[in-house]
Amino acid sequence: MKLALLADVHANREALEAVLGHARERGSDRFLFLGDYVGYGADPEWVVETLMEMVGNGAVAILGNHDAAVKTGGDAMESPARTVIEWTRGQLGAEQRAFLAALPLTWEEEGRLFLHAEAVAPRKWSYVADGQAAGRSIRSTSCRVTFCGHVHKPALYSMTEMWGSVSEMWKTTVFRPVAGIPVPLMPQRRWLAVIGSVGQPRDGDPSASYAILDSTRNELTHHRVPYDFDVTGEKIRAAGLPWMLAERLRKGL
């Protein structure tokens, strides 16, 4: 089975359409979404409606911090993000808001954990931005593989259990995934994969980021998909949202 993993769509219709098409062309059987469907972009209604339809047809979606903020407010967010959340709350209907509010915080299946942020305390929305944070997440769960988003930069971490003369030790290795190159998730290690962002990449590459897990071969492949970010940016400007959110799409920052 091929499971397409998507995170941080952020109301970017053009990027999501491109990624869904790319994943289907590569034989993806299922879709699992790792949170943050709204925020930053100008198409929250279309994105949430698309997600609702896909979940109705067997996809899985979990909660992200921007999705949670639709209900609770974005008081803890920085100014541009808070501005967009307030605007987004006015764009979504009651059914769409209820759908986001009911999303699960985590999802587990077949020894794999799926969530938006760090696994130690998922509702704190901490970032897995380095090997230390990845190690904390890996050790906090009995699942062999963890998948998350939130960081907007694709990364892959593995941890090997080692035994010293005094105590248990762990060694964490950091991989920078290369688009299109499968990585075997070897069973003697434990893994954490940061999927990257569909709708707002921040690693200097403006193309959308997602991954496909081939559960039969036990391989994970990250992908990059070009899309028309100029169209997305014009929508952001036309909606009266902060202009810098459109500019960063062009630069992938």
Protein backbone atom coordinates (compact mmCIF):
# COMPACT_ATOMS: atom_id res chain seq x y z
CA MET A 1 0.00 0.00 0.00
CA LYS A 2 1.13 3.53 -0.75
CA LEU A 3 0.13 6.13 1.84
CA ALA A 4 0.47 9.80 0.83
CA LEU A 5 1.43 12.02 3.78
CA LEU A 6 0.59 15.72 3.57
CA ALA A 7 1.16 18.45 6.16
CA ASP A 8 0.72 22.21 6.47
CA VAL A 9 -1.52 22.90 3.49
CA HIS A 10 -2.30 26.35 4.92
CA ALA A 11 -5.27 27.20 2.70
CA ASN A 12 -3.15 26.95 -0.46
CA ARG A 13 -5.48 25.54 -3.09
CA GLU A 14 -2.98 25.52 -5.96
CA ALA A 15 -0.37 23.61 -3.97
CA LEU A 16 -2.87 21.07 -2.66
CA GLU A 17 -4.32 20.41 -6.12
CA ALA A 18 -0.81 19.87 -7.50
CA VAL A 19 0.19 17.48 -4.71
CA LEU A 20 -3.02 15.44 -4.83
CA GLY A 21 -2.56 14.97 -8.57
CA HIS A 22 1.11 14.04 -8.15
CA ALA A 23 0.34 11.50 -5.42
CA ARG A 24 -2.48 9.88 -7.37
CA GLU A 25 -0.29 9.57 -10.47
CA ARG A 26 2.18 7.62 -8.33
CA GLY A 27 -0.43 5.14 -7.18
CA SER A 28 -1.21 6.42 -3.69
CA ASP A 29 -3.94 4.25 -2.15
CA ARG A 30 -4.68 6.38 0.92
CA PHE A 31 -4.11 9.90 2.17
CA LEU A 32 -3.19 10.98 5.67
CA PHE A 33 -3.08 14.67 6.57
CA LEU A 34 -0.87 15.93 9.40
CA GLY A 35 -2.60 19.17 10.34
CA ASP A 36 -2.71 22.90 9.57
CA TYR A 37 -5.20 23.07 6.74
CA VAL A 38 -5.94 26.76 7.33
CA GLY A 39 -3.91 29.87 8.11
CA TYR A 40 -1.64 32.01 5.89
CA GLY A 41 -3.51 31.28 2.64
CA ALA A 42 -6.67 32.63 1.04
CA ASP A 43 -8.61 29.42 0.28
CA PRO A 44 -9.55 27.96 3.68
CA GLU A 45 -13.12 27.10 2.67
CA TRP A 46 -12.06 25.15 -0.44
CA VAL A 47 -9.29 23.31 1.41
CA VAL A 48 -11.50 22.29 4.34
CA GLU A 49 -14.32 21.22 2.02
CA THR A 50 -11.85 19.10 0.02
CA LEU A 51 -10.52 17.56 3.22
CA MET A 52 -14.02 16.78 4.50
CA GLU A 53 -14.83 14.98 1.26
CA MET A 54 -11.60 12.98 1.36
CA VAL A 55 -12.07 11.99 5.00
CA GLY A 56 -15.57 10.83 4.07
CA ASN A 57 -13.91 8.55 1.50
CA GLY A 58 -11.38 7.02 3.89
CA ALA A 59 -8.60 9.57 4.35
CA VAL A 60 -7.35 10.43 7.84
CA ALA A 61 -6.82 13.98 9.09
CA ILE A 62 -5.39 15.11 12.40
CA LEU A 63 -5.43 18.46 14.18
CA GLY A 64 -2.84 21.21 13.72
CA ASN A 65 -2.30 24.34 15.79
CA HIS A 66 -3.80 26.66 13.16
CA ASP A 67 -6.85 24.42 12.93
CA ALA A 68 -7.24 24.49 16.70
CA ALA A 69 -6.92 28.28 16.67
CA VAL A 70 -10.06 28.56 14.51
CA LYS A 71 -11.97 27.58 17.66
CA THR A 72 -9.78 28.99 20.41
CA GLY A 73 -8.43 32.13 18.71
CA GLY A 74 -4.87 32.96 17.69
CA ASP A 75 -3.84 35.05 20.68
CA ALA A 76 -0.60 33.10 21.16
CA MET A 77 0.42 33.48 17.51
CA GLU A 78 2.59 36.12 15.89
CA SER A 79 0.78 39.05 14.31
CA PRO A 80 0.51 37.88 10.64
CA ALA A 81 -0.69 34.41 11.63
CA ARG A 82 -3.16 35.87 14.14
CA THR A 83 -4.54 38.24 11.51
CA VAL A 84 -5.17 35.40 9.07
CA ILE A 85 -6.81 33.20 11.71
CA GLU A 86 -9.26 35.97 12.56
CA TRP A 87 -10.04 36.38 8.85
CA THR A 88 -10.33 32.60 8.40
CA ARG A 89 -12.87 32.29 11.20
CA GLY A 90 -15.16 34.51 9.17
CA GLN A 91 -14.66 32.49 5.99
CA LEU A 92 -15.67 29.09 7.36
CA GLY A 93 -19.20 27.93 8.01
CA ALA A 94 -20.43 26.17 11.14
CA GLU A 95 -20.04 22.70 9.61
CA GLN A 96 -16.45 23.38 8.57
CA ARG A 97 -15.53 24.80 11.97
CA ALA A 98 -17.09 21.80 13.70
CA PHE A 99 -15.13 19.44 11.44
CA LEU A 100 -11.82 21.08 12.40
CA ALA A 101 -12.70 21.12 16.10
CA ALA A 102 -13.44 17.38 16.07
CA LEU A 103 -10.15 16.30 14.49
CA PRO A 104 -8.02 13.92 16.59
CA LEU A 105 -4.75 15.17 18.04
CA THR A 106 -2.86 11.97 17.13
CA TRP A 107 -3.41 8.83 15.09
CA GLU A 108 -1.78 5.40 15.47
CA GLU A 109 -1.86 2.39 13.18
CA GLU A 110 0.44 -0.58 12.55
CA GLY A 111 3.18 0.66 14.87
CA ARG A 112 3.23 4.16 13.37
CA LEU A 113 2.36 7.44 15.08
CA PHE A 114 1.00 10.41 13.13
CA LEU A 115 0.69 13.90 14.62
CA HIS A 116 1.29 17.53 13.82
CA ALA A 117 4.06 18.53 16.23
CA GLU A 118 6.34 16.97 18.84
CA ALA A 119 5.12 13.71 20.38
CA VAL A 120 6.14 14.41 24.00
CA ALA A 121 3.27 16.85 24.56
CA PRO A 122 1.40 17.18 21.27
CA ARG A 123 -0.93 19.94 22.41
CA LYS A 124 1.99 22.25 23.25
CA TRP A 125 2.77 22.44 19.50
CA SER A 126 6.55 22.24 19.97
CA TYR A 127 8.76 21.95 16.87
CA VAL A 128 10.90 18.96 15.90
CA ALA A 129 13.66 21.16 14.52
CA ASP A 130 16.78 19.16 15.45
CA GLY A 131 18.07 15.79 16.57
CA GLN A 132 17.51 16.51 20.24
CA ALA A 133 13.82 17.24 19.75
CA ALA A 134 13.48 14.25 17.43
CA GLY A 135 15.06 12.01 20.05
CA ARG A 136 12.61 13.19 22.70
CA SER A 137 9.69 12.41 20.41
CA ILE A 138 11.02 9.00 19.43
CA ARG A 139 11.61 7.97 23.04
CA SER A 140 8.17 9.19 24.15
CA THR A 141 6.27 6.61 22.10
CA SER A 142 6.35 2.86 21.65
CA CYS A 143 5.69 3.29 17.91
CA ARG A 144 8.63 2.44 15.67
CA VAL A 145 7.99 5.26 13.20
CA THR A 146 6.63 8.76 13.87
CA PHE A 147 5.43 11.19 11.21
CA CYS A 148 4.87 14.91 11.84
CA GLY A 149 4.65 18.31 10.19
CA HIS A 150 4.70 21.80 11.75
CA VAL A 151 8.33 22.60 10.86
CA HIS A 152 7.73 23.26 7.11
CA LYS A 153 11.14 21.73 6.32
CA PRO A 154 11.45 18.05 5.35
CA ALA A 155 13.80 16.00 7.52
CA LEU A 156 14.34 12.41 8.57
CA TYR A 157 15.77 11.21 11.87
CA SER A 158 16.68 7.71 13.02
CA MET A 159 17.61 6.45 16.44
CA THR A 160 19.54 3.33 17.34
CA GLU A 161 19.39 1.86 20.81
CA MET A 162 22.82 1.24 22.29
CA TRP A 163 23.94 -0.23 25.59
CA GLY A 164 26.89 1.12 27.50
CA SER A 165 28.57 -0.17 30.61
CA VAL A 166 26.33 1.88 32.91
CA SER A 167 23.05 2.75 31.24
CA GLU A 168 20.93 2.65 28.15
CA MET A 169 22.03 5.10 25.44
CA TRP A 170 20.58 6.30 22.17
CA LYS A 171 22.28 7.58 19.04
CA THR A 172 20.32 9.90 16.75
CA THR A 173 21.18 10.31 13.08
CA VAL A 174 19.89 13.15 10.90
CA PHE A 175 19.11 12.65 7.21
CA ARG A 176 18.23 15.36 4.70
CA PRO A 177 15.87 13.56 2.33
CA VAL A 178 16.44 13.93 -1.40
CA ALA A 179 13.25 14.30 -3.43
CA GLY A 180 12.35 11.16 -5.35
CA ILE A 181 14.87 8.90 -3.59
CA PRO A 182 13.28 6.15 -1.44
CA VAL A 183 14.69 5.64 2.05
CA PRO A 184 14.29 2.15 3.57
CA LEU A 185 12.99 2.44 7.14
CA MET A 186 15.17 -0.33 8.52
CA PRO A 187 13.44 -2.21 11.36
CA GLN A 188 16.47 -2.22 13.67
CA ARG A 189 16.11 1.56 14.00
CA ARG A 190 13.35 3.86 15.15
CA TRP A 191 12.39 6.75 12.90
CA LEU A 192 10.87 10.21 12.86
CA ALA A 193 9.98 11.85 9.55
CA VAL A 194 9.15 15.54 9.18
CA ILE A 195 7.08 15.71 6.01
CA GLY A 196 7.58 19.34 5.07
CA SER A 197 4.83 21.71 3.95
CA VAL A 198 2.42 21.46 1.04
CA GLY A 199 1.31 25.08 1.17
CA GLN A 200 4.19 27.05 2.66
CA PRO A 201 7.66 25.45 2.36
CA ARG A 202 10.40 27.17 4.35
CA ASP A 203 13.59 25.45 3.19
CA GLY A 204 14.39 27.76 0.29
CA ASP A 205 12.52 25.66 -2.27
CA PRO A 206 9.07 27.09 -3.12
CA SER A 207 7.74 23.81 -4.54
CA ALA A 208 5.23 21.90 -2.42
CA SER A 209 6.56 19.15 -0.19
CA TYR A 210 4.97 15.83 0.78
CA ALA A 211 5.93 12.16 1.12
CA ILE A 212 4.71 8.69 0.18
CA LEU A 213 5.11 5.72 2.52
CA ASP A 214 5.24 2.38 0.72
CA SER A 215 4.23 0.08 3.56
CA THR A 216 4.84 -3.08 1.53
CA ARG A 217 8.48 -2.18 0.81
CA ASN A 218 8.77 -0.18 4.07
CA GLU A 219 10.20 2.81 2.18
CA LEU A 220 9.58 6.53 2.54
CA THR A 221 10.00 8.88 -0.40
CA HIS A 222 9.83 12.66 -0.10
CA HIS A 223 8.60 14.57 -3.13
CA ARG A 224 8.64 18.18 -4.36
CA VAL A 225 5.90 19.42 -6.66
CA PRO A 226 5.96 22.77 -8.51
CA TYR A 227 2.77 24.83 -8.49
CA ASP A 228 1.71 28.35 -9.51
CA PHE A 229 2.58 30.29 -6.37
CA ASP A 230 1.99 33.60 -8.18
CA VAL A 231 -1.73 32.76 -8.40
CA THR A 232 -1.75 31.86 -4.71
CA GLY A 233 0.04 35.09 -3.84
CA GLU A 234 -2.42 37.21 -5.80
CA LYS A 235 -5.30 35.63 -3.90
CA ILE A 236 -3.61 36.50 -0.60
CA ARG A 237 -3.20 40.12 -1.66
CA ALA A 238 -6.75 40.33 -3.03
CA ALA A 239 -8.11 39.08 0.30
CA GLY A 240 -6.33 41.91 2.10
CA LEU A 241 -4.08 39.55 4.05
CA PRO A 242 -0.48 40.50 4.98
CA TRP A 243 1.52 40.91 1.76
CA MET A 244 4.60 39.24 3.20
CA LEU A 245 2.71 35.92 3.25
CA ALA A 246 2.52 36.10 -0.56
CA GLU A 247 6.18 37.09 -0.92
CA ARG A 248 7.49 34.22 1.17
CA LEU A 249 5.78 31.70 -1.14
CA ARG A 250 7.98 32.89 -4.01
CA LYS A 251 11.14 32.32 -1.97
CA GLY A 252 10.16 29.23 -0.04
CA LEU A 253 10.90 30.94 3.25
